[in-house]
């Protein structure tokens, strides 16, 4: 699943490619695209300019002139492909859920868990969007704000599960959950009530640092994620993995050096 840094990168890529040029076309070639149910709204994008592209957590917002916003959530399989005029995309556009074109560029999304053209009023009324926690990559975000958000959760929840709750902090996925806890030397299995503010702050700060590096394209080698059974790069112990929480997302950690 695309995590917050990938969604923020997509916002920058799309805004850079489309610029302030009017859209030459907006289409939903794939018969399974949810935008097929909004054909009139989609056609109305032609001639409009992209005012800004934004991300909040794992949600992408492409805001066009006239008050329409293309709101998407990539989920597990969604990907955005952006390329210049005359270049060939990596996938045939017939399979895209949406294709946005200007005279010089094309931006196309394939797959995803959510895609809709919405008015500002519809966005404000969406209970899922209203419930999102602070975006970990927002300029105003601080580790202290992250600690406060986690303290608002049920204290018996395990740290790893709480970090994935987008209602607490938006943008963290399974990769950064594992790597952030590892970097801070804190076990993802400890309950929030067992952790000090300093420990929670260390996890949040480490996760922010890793995600900002990812946003800058500096994603390093994974220390524990998908490395179950291998040696820990820090202490040499064996990395373990098992499902966690109601969603049973796989958690990776080193029992020897994460306490």
C-alpha atoms as a PDB file:
ATOM      1  CA  UNK A   1       0.000   0.000   0.000  1.00  0.00           C
ATOM      2  CA  UNK A   2       1.268   3.465  -0.866  1.00  0.00           C
ATOM      3  CA  UNK A   3       2.376   5.275   2.271  1.00  0.00           C
ATOM      4  CA  UNK A   4       2.293   8.985   2.944  1.00  0.00           C
ATOM      5  CA  UNK A   5       5.644   9.806   1.362  1.00  0.00           C
ATOM      6  CA  UNK A   6       4.667   8.147  -1.931  1.00  0.00           C
ATOM      7  CA  UNK A   7       1.374  10.068  -2.057  1.00  0.00           C
ATOM      8  CA  UNK A   8       3.144  13.370  -1.373  1.00  0.00           C
ATOM      9  CA  UNK A   9       5.656  12.562  -4.135  1.00  0.00           C
ATOM     10  CA  UNK A  10       2.808  11.867  -6.539  1.00  0.00           C
ATOM     11  CA  UNK A  11       1.237  15.233  -5.713  1.00  0.00           C
ATOM     12  CA  UNK A  12       4.499  16.985  -6.594  1.00  0.00           C
ATOM     13  CA  UNK A  13       5.003  14.945  -9.783  1.00  0.00           C
ATOM     14  CA  UNK A  14       1.484  15.584 -11.054  1.00  0.00           C
ATOM     15  CA  UNK A  15       1.555  19.298 -10.238  1.00  0.00           C
ATOM     16  CA  UNK A  16       4.929  19.678 -11.938  1.00  0.00           C
ATOM     17  CA  UNK A  17       3.836  17.818 -15.070  1.00  0.00           C
ATOM     18  CA  UNK A  18       0.428  19.451 -15.548  1.00  0.00           C
ATOM     19  CA  UNK A  19       1.561  22.893 -14.412  1.00  0.00           C
ATOM     20  CA  UNK A  20      -0.966  25.663 -14.985  1.00  0.00           C
ATOM     21  CA  UNK A  21      -1.908  24.544 -18.478  1.00  0.00           C
ATOM     22  CA  UNK A  22      -5.599  23.833 -19.188  1.00  0.00           C
ATOM     23  CA  UNK A  23      -6.518  20.187 -19.473  1.00  0.00           C
ATOM     24  CA  UNK A  24      -6.861  19.054 -23.064  1.00  0.00           C
ATOM     25  CA  UNK A  25      -8.792  16.012 -21.907  1.00  0.00           C
ATOM     26  CA  UNK A  26      -9.955  13.941 -18.939  1.00  0.00           C
ATOM     27  CA  UNK A  27     -11.031  10.342 -19.497  1.00  0.00           C
ATOM     28  CA  UNK A  28     -11.703   7.081 -17.667  1.00  0.00           C
ATOM     29  CA  UNK A  29     -10.754   4.406 -20.226  1.00  0.00           C
ATOM     30  CA  UNK A  30     -11.075   1.389 -17.948  1.00  0.00           C
ATOM     31  CA  UNK A  31     -14.702   0.137 -17.799  1.00  0.00           C
ATOM     32  CA  UNK A  32     -14.162  -0.634 -14.098  1.00  0.00           C
ATOM     33  CA  UNK A  33     -13.161   2.925 -13.233  1.00  0.00           C
ATOM     34  CA  UNK A  34     -15.438   4.469 -10.588  1.00  0.00           C
ATOM     35  CA  UNK A  35     -15.300   7.695 -12.597  1.00  0.00           C
ATOM     36  CA  UNK A  36     -17.489   6.055 -15.246  1.00  0.00           C
ATOM     37  CA  UNK A  37     -20.349   6.885 -12.870  1.00  0.00           C
ATOM     38  CA  UNK A  38     -19.362  10.563 -13.008  1.00  0.00           C
ATOM     39  CA  UNK A  39     -18.980  10.918 -16.767  1.00  0.00           C
ATOM     40  CA  UNK A  40     -20.470  14.415 -16.956  1.00  0.00           C
ATOM     41  CA  UNK A  41     -18.277  15.767 -14.169  1.00  0.00           C
ATOM     42  CA  UNK A  42     -15.221  14.152 -15.705  1.00  0.00           C
ATOM     43  CA  UNK A  43     -15.877  15.693 -19.124  1.00  0.00           C
ATOM     44  CA  UNK A  44     -16.289  19.092 -17.467  1.00  0.00           C
ATOM     45  CA  UNK A  45     -12.612  19.054 -16.412  1.00  0.00           C
ATOM     46  CA  UNK A  46     -11.522  19.717 -20.001  1.00  0.00           C
ATOM     47  CA  UNK A  47     -10.274  23.278 -20.223  1.00  0.00           C
ATOM     48  CA  UNK A  48      -9.804  23.655 -16.480  1.00  0.00           C
ATOM     49  CA  UNK A  49      -6.430  24.191 -14.833  1.00  0.00           C
ATOM     50  CA  UNK A  50      -5.010  22.323 -11.883  1.00  0.00           C
ATOM     51  CA  UNK A  51      -4.861  24.879  -9.071  1.00  0.00           C
ATOM     52  CA  UNK A  52      -2.910  22.702  -6.658  1.00  0.00           C
ATOM     53  CA  UNK A  53      -2.126  19.081  -5.784  1.00  0.00           C
ATOM     54  CA  UNK A  54      -2.143  18.107  -2.117  1.00  0.00           C
ATOM     55  CA  UNK A  55      -1.778  15.040   0.041  1.00  0.00           C
ATOM     56  CA  UNK A  56      -3.059  14.299   3.505  1.00  0.00           C
ATOM     57  CA  UNK A  57      -1.837  10.987   4.813  1.00  0.00           C
ATOM     58  CA  UNK A  58      -2.611   8.440   2.106  1.00  0.00           C
ATOM     59  CA  UNK A  59      -5.212  10.612   0.350  1.00  0.00           C
ATOM     60  CA  UNK A  60      -4.449  12.636  -2.795  1.00  0.00           C
ATOM     61  CA  UNK A  61      -6.383  15.761  -3.767  1.00  0.00           C
ATOM     62  CA  UNK A  62      -6.088  17.322  -7.230  1.00  0.00           C
ATOM     63  CA  UNK A  63      -7.948  20.630  -7.014  1.00  0.00           C
ATOM     64  CA  UNK A  64      -9.140  22.122 -10.309  1.00  0.00           C
ATOM     65  CA  UNK A  65     -10.646  25.439 -11.285  1.00  0.00           C
ATOM     66  CA  UNK A  66     -14.352  25.650 -10.674  1.00  0.00           C
ATOM     67  CA  UNK A  67     -14.366  23.843  -7.340  1.00  0.00           C
ATOM     68  CA  UNK A  68     -13.960  20.229  -8.440  1.00  0.00           C
ATOM     69  CA  UNK A  69     -11.392  18.001  -6.749  1.00  0.00           C
ATOM     70  CA  UNK A  70     -10.191  14.601  -7.891  1.00  0.00           C
ATOM     71  CA  UNK A  71      -9.871  12.671  -4.631  1.00  0.00           C
ATOM     72  CA  UNK A  72      -8.057   9.364  -4.616  1.00  0.00           C
ATOM     73  CA  UNK A  73      -6.681   6.702  -2.312  1.00  0.00           C
ATOM     74  CA  UNK A  74      -4.260   4.324  -3.998  1.00  0.00           C
ATOM     75  CA  UNK A  75      -4.795   1.439  -1.594  1.00  0.00           C
ATOM     76  CA  UNK A  76      -2.656  -1.626  -2.227  1.00  0.00           C
ATOM     77  CA  UNK A  77      -2.541  -1.655  -6.018  1.00  0.00           C
ATOM     78  CA  UNK A  78      -3.027   1.929  -7.214  1.00  0.00           C
ATOM     79  CA  UNK A  79      -0.194   3.685  -9.085  1.00  0.00           C
ATOM     80  CA  UNK A  80       0.214   7.014 -10.847  1.00  0.00           C
ATOM     81  CA  UNK A  81       2.203   7.226 -14.095  1.00  0.00           C
ATOM     82  CA  UNK A  82       3.320  10.675 -15.275  1.00  0.00           C
ATOM     83  CA  UNK A  83       5.123  11.322 -18.568  1.00  0.00           C
ATOM     84  CA  UNK A  84       5.722  14.011 -21.149  1.00  0.00           C
ATOM     85  CA  UNK A  85       4.140  14.484 -24.567  1.00  0.00           C
ATOM     86  CA  UNK A  86       5.558  12.031 -27.098  1.00  0.00           C
ATOM     87  CA  UNK A  87       6.822   9.608 -24.443  1.00  0.00           C
ATOM     88  CA  UNK A  88       5.301   6.184 -23.946  1.00  0.00           C
ATOM     89  CA  UNK A  89       3.821   5.213 -20.617  1.00  0.00           C
ATOM     90  CA  UNK A  90       4.796   1.997 -18.911  1.00  0.00           C
ATOM     91  CA  UNK A  91       1.256   0.624 -19.244  1.00  0.00           C
ATOM     92  CA  UNK A  92      -1.431   0.950 -21.937  1.00  0.00           C
ATOM     93  CA  UNK A  93      -3.725   3.839 -21.103  1.00  0.00           C
ATOM     94  CA  UNK A  94      -6.781   1.719 -21.917  1.00  0.00           C
ATOM     95  CA  UNK A  95      -6.378   0.167 -18.469  1.00  0.00           C
ATOM     96  CA  UNK A  96      -6.236   3.465 -16.566  1.00  0.00           C
ATOM     97  CA  UNK A  97      -8.906   4.569 -14.144  1.00  0.00           C
ATOM     98  CA  UNK A  98      -8.285   8.177 -15.106  1.00  0.00           C
ATOM     99  CA  UNK A  99      -6.143   9.937 -17.719  1.00  0.00           C
ATOM    100  CA  UNK A 100      -5.469  13.679 -17.452  1.00  0.00           C
ATOM    101  CA  UNK A 101      -3.728  15.318 -20.396  1.00  0.00           C
ATOM    102  CA  UNK A 102      -2.390  18.744 -21.285  1.00  0.00           C
ATOM    103  CA  UNK A 103      -0.579  19.780 -24.453  1.00  0.00           C
ATOM    104  CA  UNK A 104       2.711  18.655 -22.919  1.00  0.00           C
ATOM    105  CA  UNK A 105       2.044  15.924 -20.341  1.00  0.00           C
ATOM    106  CA  UNK A 106      -0.107  12.990 -19.245  1.00  0.00           C
ATOM    107  CA  UNK A 107      -0.926  11.822 -15.724  1.00  0.00           C
ATOM    108  CA  UNK A 108      -2.755   8.508 -15.368  1.00  0.00           C
ATOM    109  CA  UNK A 109      -3.798   6.406 -12.406  1.00  0.00           C
ATOM    110  CA  UNK A 110      -4.149   2.652 -12.589  1.00  0.00           C
ATOM    111  CA  UNK A 111      -6.200   0.913  -9.919  1.00  0.00           C
ATOM    112  CA  UNK A 112      -6.650   2.136  -6.378  1.00  0.00           C
ATOM    113  CA  UNK A 113      -9.226   1.742  -3.627  1.00  0.00           C
ATOM    114  CA  UNK A 114     -10.997   5.089  -4.066  1.00  0.00           C
ATOM    115  CA  UNK A 115     -11.344   7.665  -6.843  1.00  0.00           C
ATOM    116  CA  UNK A 116     -14.014  10.327  -7.225  1.00  0.00           C
ATOM    117  CA  UNK A 117     -14.609  13.866  -8.478  1.00  0.00           C
ATOM    118  CA  UNK A 118     -16.042  15.821  -5.589  1.00  0.00           C
ATOM    119  CA  UNK A 119     -17.090  19.322  -4.677  1.00  0.00           C
ATOM    120  CA  UNK A 120     -15.635  21.060  -1.637  1.00  0.00           C
ATOM    121  CA  UNK A 121     -18.917  20.544   0.197  1.00  0.00           C
ATOM    122  CA  UNK A 122     -18.796  16.803  -0.509  1.00  0.00           C
ATOM    123  CA  UNK A 123     -15.228  16.598   0.764  1.00  0.00           C
ATOM    124  CA  UNK A 124     -16.118  18.459   3.951  1.00  0.00           C
ATOM    125  CA  UNK A 125     -19.051  16.121   4.553  1.00  0.00           C
ATOM    126  CA  UNK A 126     -16.976  12.933   4.185  1.00  0.00           C
ATOM    127  CA  UNK A 127     -16.747  11.407   7.685  1.00  0.00           C
ATOM    128  CA  UNK A 128     -13.630   9.429   6.801  1.00  0.00           C
ATOM    129  CA  UNK A 129     -11.766  12.572   5.765  1.00  0.00           C
ATOM    130  CA  UNK A 130     -13.015  14.515   8.785  1.00  0.00           C
ATOM    131  CA  UNK A 131     -11.685  11.801  11.080  1.00  0.00           C
ATOM    132  CA  UNK A 132      -8.128  11.801   9.693  1.00  0.00           C
ATOM    133  CA  UNK A 133      -5.397  12.612  12.180  1.00  0.00           C
ATOM    134  CA  UNK A 134      -2.588  15.093  11.522  1.00  0.00           C
ATOM    135  CA  UNK A 135      -0.431  14.427   8.473  1.00  0.00           C
ATOM    136  CA  UNK A 136       3.011  13.222   9.540  1.00  0.00           C
ATOM    137  CA  UNK A 137       4.626  15.063   6.625  1.00  0.00           C
ATOM    138  CA  UNK A 138       2.856  18.398   7.078  1.00  0.00           C
ATOM    139  CA  UNK A 139       5.280  21.288   7.745  1.00  0.00           C
ATOM    140  CA  UNK A 140       3.582  22.068  11.051  1.00  0.00           C
ATOM    141  CA  UNK A 141       3.718  18.485  12.354  1.00  0.00           C
ATOM    142  CA  UNK A 142       5.918  17.884  15.404  1.00  0.00           C
ATOM    143  CA  UNK A 143       6.755  14.737  17.412  1.00  0.00           C
ATOM    144  CA  UNK A 144       4.963  16.348  20.362  1.00  0.00           C
ATOM    145  CA  UNK A 145       1.780  16.529  18.322  1.00  0.00           C
ATOM    146  CA  UNK A 146       2.221  12.883  17.395  1.00  0.00           C
ATOM    147  CA  UNK A 147       2.626  11.890  21.035  1.00  0.00           C
ATOM    148  CA  UNK A 148      -0.542  13.811  21.924  1.00  0.00           C
ATOM    149  CA  UNK A 149      -2.429  12.007  19.154  1.00  0.00           C
ATOM    150  CA  UNK A 150      -1.284   8.587  20.367  1.00  0.00           C
ATOM    151  CA  UNK A 151      -2.164   9.480  23.965  1.00  0.00           C
ATOM    152  CA  UNK A 152      -5.731  10.120  22.804  1.00  0.00           C
ATOM    153  CA  UNK A 153      -6.041   6.450  21.797  1.00  0.00           C
ATOM    154  CA  UNK A 154      -7.191   3.619  24.009  1.00  0.00           C
ATOM    155  CA  UNK A 155      -4.162   3.058  26.310  1.00  0.00           C
ATOM    156  CA  UNK A 156      -4.391  -0.734  26.060  1.00  0.00           C
ATOM    157  CA  UNK A 157      -3.744  -0.661  22.291  1.00  0.00           C
ATOM    158  CA  UNK A 158      -0.420  -1.983  21.065  1.00  0.00           C
ATOM    159  CA  UNK A 159       1.918   0.585  19.571  1.00  0.00           C
ATOM    160  CA  UNK A 160       2.200  -1.061  16.138  1.00  0.00           C
ATOM    161  CA  UNK A 161      -1.567  -1.186  15.705  1.00  0.00           C
ATOM    162  CA  UNK A 162      -2.014   2.410  16.880  1.00  0.00           C
ATOM    163  CA  UNK A 163       0.582   3.716  14.424  1.00  0.00           C
ATOM    164  CA  UNK A 164      -1.483   2.372  11.520  1.00  0.00           C
ATOM    165  CA  UNK A 165      -4.677   4.055  12.706  1.00  0.00           C
ATOM    166  CA  UNK A 166      -5.118   6.952  10.278  1.00  0.00           C
ATOM    167  CA  UNK A 167      -7.499   8.620  12.725  1.00  0.00           C
ATOM    168  CA  UNK A 168      -4.564   9.150  15.089  1.00  0.00           C
ATOM    169  CA  UNK A 169      -1.706  10.030  12.720  1.00  0.00           C
ATOM    170  CA  UNK A 170      -2.214  10.028   8.941  1.00  0.00           C
ATOM    171  CA  UNK A 171       0.306   8.603   6.521  1.00  0.00           C
ATOM    172  CA  UNK A 172       2.057   5.729   8.299  1.00  0.00           C
ATOM    173  CA  UNK A 173       1.861   2.305   6.659  1.00  0.00           C
ATOM    174  CA  UNK A 174       3.282  -1.091   7.461  1.00  0.00           C
ATOM    175  CA  UNK A 175       6.815  -0.316   6.244  1.00  0.00           C
ATOM    176  CA  UNK A 176       7.318   2.816   8.306  1.00  0.00           C
ATOM    177  CA  UNK A 177       5.548   1.299  11.303  1.00  0.00           C
ATOM    178  CA  UNK A 178       8.172  -1.442  11.409  1.00  0.00           C
ATOM    179  CA  UNK A 179      11.178   0.697  10.530  1.00  0.00           C
ATOM    180  CA  UNK A 180      10.221   3.570  12.832  1.00  0.00           C
ATOM    181  CA  UNK A 181       9.855   1.291  15.857  1.00  0.00           C
ATOM    182  CA  UNK A 182      13.132  -0.425  15.000  1.00  0.00           C
ATOM    183  CA  UNK A 183      14.992   2.858  14.637  1.00  0.00           C
ATOM    184  CA  UNK A 184      13.721   3.981  18.039  1.00  0.00           C
ATOM    185  CA  UNK A 185      14.540   0.582  19.646  1.00  0.00           C
ATOM    186  CA  UNK A 186      10.939   0.254  20.861  1.00  0.00           C
ATOM    187  CA  UNK A 187       8.880  -2.927  20.528  1.00  0.00           C
ATOM    188  CA  UNK A 188       5.703  -2.521  18.449  1.00  0.00           C
ATOM    189  CA  UNK A 189       4.015  -4.974  20.816  1.00  0.00           C
ATOM    190  CA  UNK A 190       4.128  -2.763  23.887  1.00  0.00           C
ATOM    191  CA  UNK A 191       0.893  -1.151  24.932  1.00  0.00           C
ATOM    192  CA  UNK A 192       0.604   2.617  24.822  1.00  0.00           C
ATOM    193  CA  UNK A 193       0.089   2.708  28.588  1.00  0.00           C
ATOM    194  CA  UNK A 194       3.483   1.044  29.071  1.00  0.00           C
ATOM    195  CA  UNK A 195       5.385   3.644  27.045  1.00  0.00           C
ATOM    196  CA  UNK A 196       6.736   6.952  28.270  1.00  0.00           C
ATOM    197  CA  UNK A 197       6.257  10.170  26.334  1.00  0.00           C
ATOM    198  CA  UNK A 198       9.960  10.074  25.520  1.00  0.00           C
ATOM    199  CA  UNK A 199       9.646   6.605  24.015  1.00  0.00           C
ATOM    200  CA  UNK A 200       6.598   7.559  21.970  1.00  0.00           C
ATOM    201  CA  UNK A 201       8.302  10.764  20.873  1.00  0.00           C
ATOM    202  CA  UNK A 202      11.356   8.792  19.764  1.00  0.00           C
ATOM    203  CA  UNK A 203       9.204   6.473  17.614  1.00  0.00           C
ATOM    204  CA  UNK A 204       7.334   9.389  16.043  1.00  0.00           C
ATOM    205  CA  UNK A 205      10.522  11.379  15.404  1.00  0.00           C
ATOM    206  CA  UNK A 206      12.261   8.367  13.831  1.00  0.00           C
ATOM    207  CA  UNK A 207       9.252   7.677  11.613  1.00  0.00           C
ATOM    208  CA  UNK A 208       9.082  11.315  10.499  1.00  0.00           C
ATOM    209  CA  UNK A 209      12.793  11.262   9.658  1.00  0.00           C
ATOM    210  CA  UNK A 210      12.460   8.082   7.595  1.00  0.00           C
ATOM    211  CA  UNK A 211       9.394   9.336   5.737  1.00  0.00           C
ATOM    212  CA  UNK A 212      10.950  12.700   4.948  1.00  0.00           C
ATOM    213  CA  UNK A 213      13.967  10.876   3.548  1.00  0.00           C
ATOM    214  CA  UNK A 214      11.581   8.764   1.453  1.00  0.00           C
ATOM    215  CA  UNK A 215       9.818  11.907   0.259  1.00  0.00           C
ATOM    216  CA  UNK A 216      13.198  13.200  -0.926  1.00  0.00           C
ATOM    217  CA  UNK A 217      13.845   9.927  -2.765  1.00  0.00           C
ATOM    218  CA  UNK A 218      16.454   8.781  -0.245  1.00  0.00           C
ATOM    219  CA  UNK A 219      14.798   5.563   0.892  1.00  0.00           C
ATOM    220  CA  UNK A 220      17.499   3.340   2.356  1.00  0.00           C
ATOM    221  CA  UNK A 221      17.751  -0.393   2.865  1.00  0.00           C
ATOM    222  CA  UNK A 222      15.086  -1.883   5.123  1.00  0.00           C
ATOM    223  CA  UNK A 223      16.348  -3.036   8.489  1.00  0.00           C
ATOM    224  CA  UNK A 224      13.463  -5.335   9.507  1.00  0.00           C
ATOM    225  CA  UNK A 225      10.567  -5.035   7.053  1.00  0.00           C
ATOM    226  CA  UNK A 226      10.116  -8.332   5.178  1.00  0.00           C
ATOM    227  CA  UNK A 227      13.344  -9.642   6.706  1.00  0.00           C
ATOM    228  CA  UNK A 228      11.830 -12.246   9.009  1.00  0.00           C
ATOM    229  CA  UNK A 229      14.340 -14.929   9.982  1.00  0.00           C
ATOM    230  CA  UNK A 230      17.369 -12.873   8.987  1.00  0.00           C
ATOM    231  CA  UNK A 231      19.941 -11.390  11.320  1.00  0.00           C
ATOM    232  CA  UNK A 232      19.226  -7.996  12.836  1.00  0.00           C
ATOM    233  CA  UNK A 233      21.681  -5.457  11.335  1.00  0.00           C
ATOM    234  CA  UNK A 234      22.116  -3.871  14.769  1.00  0.00           C
ATOM    235  CA  UNK A 235      22.459  -6.716  17.279  1.00  0.00           C
ATOM    236  CA  UNK A 236      22.646  -9.887  15.195  1.00  0.00           C
ATOM    237  CA  UNK A 237      19.483 -11.394  16.677  1.00  0.00           C
ATOM    238  CA  UNK A 238      16.781 -13.015  14.569  1.00  0.00           C
ATOM    239  CA  UNK A 239      14.099 -10.756  13.114  1.00  0.00           C
ATOM    240  CA  UNK A 240      10.596 -12.051  13.726  1.00  0.00           C
ATOM    241  CA  UNK A 241       7.191 -11.391  12.200  1.00  0.00           C
ATOM    242  CA  UNK A 242       3.549 -12.085  12.958  1.00  0.00           C
ATOM    243  CA  UNK A 243       0.122 -10.554  12.422  1.00  0.00           C
ATOM    244  CA  UNK A 244      -0.996  -7.741  14.697  1.00  0.00           C
ATOM    245  CA  UNK A 245      -4.307  -6.110  15.492  1.00  0.00           C
ATOM    246  CA  UNK A 246      -7.780  -6.655  14.105  1.00  0.00           C
ATOM    247  CA  UNK A 247      -6.533  -6.259  10.528  1.00  0.00           C
ATOM    248  CA  UNK A 248      -3.733  -8.802  11.156  1.00  0.00           C
ATOM    249  CA  UNK A 249      -1.130  -6.684   9.373  1.00  0.00           C
ATOM    250  CA  UNK A 250       2.288  -8.339   9.527  1.00  0.00           C
ATOM    251  CA  UNK A 251       4.651  -6.707  12.009  1.00  0.00           C
ATOM    252  CA  UNK A 252       8.430  -7.138  11.791  1.00  0.00           C
ATOM    253  CA  UNK A 253      10.732  -6.538  14.750  1.00  0.00           C
ATOM    254  CA  UNK A 254      13.849  -7.682  16.573  1.00  0.00           C
ATOM    255  CA  UNK A 255      12.944  -9.085  20.018  1.00  0.00           C
ATOM    256  CA  UNK A 256      16.519  -8.724  21.234  1.00  0.00           C
ATOM    257  CA  UNK A 257      17.071  -4.987  20.736  1.00  0.00           C
ATOM    258  CA  UNK A 258      13.520  -3.600  20.614  1.00  0.00           C
ATOM    259  CA  UNK A 259      12.208  -3.335  24.154  1.00  0.00           C
END
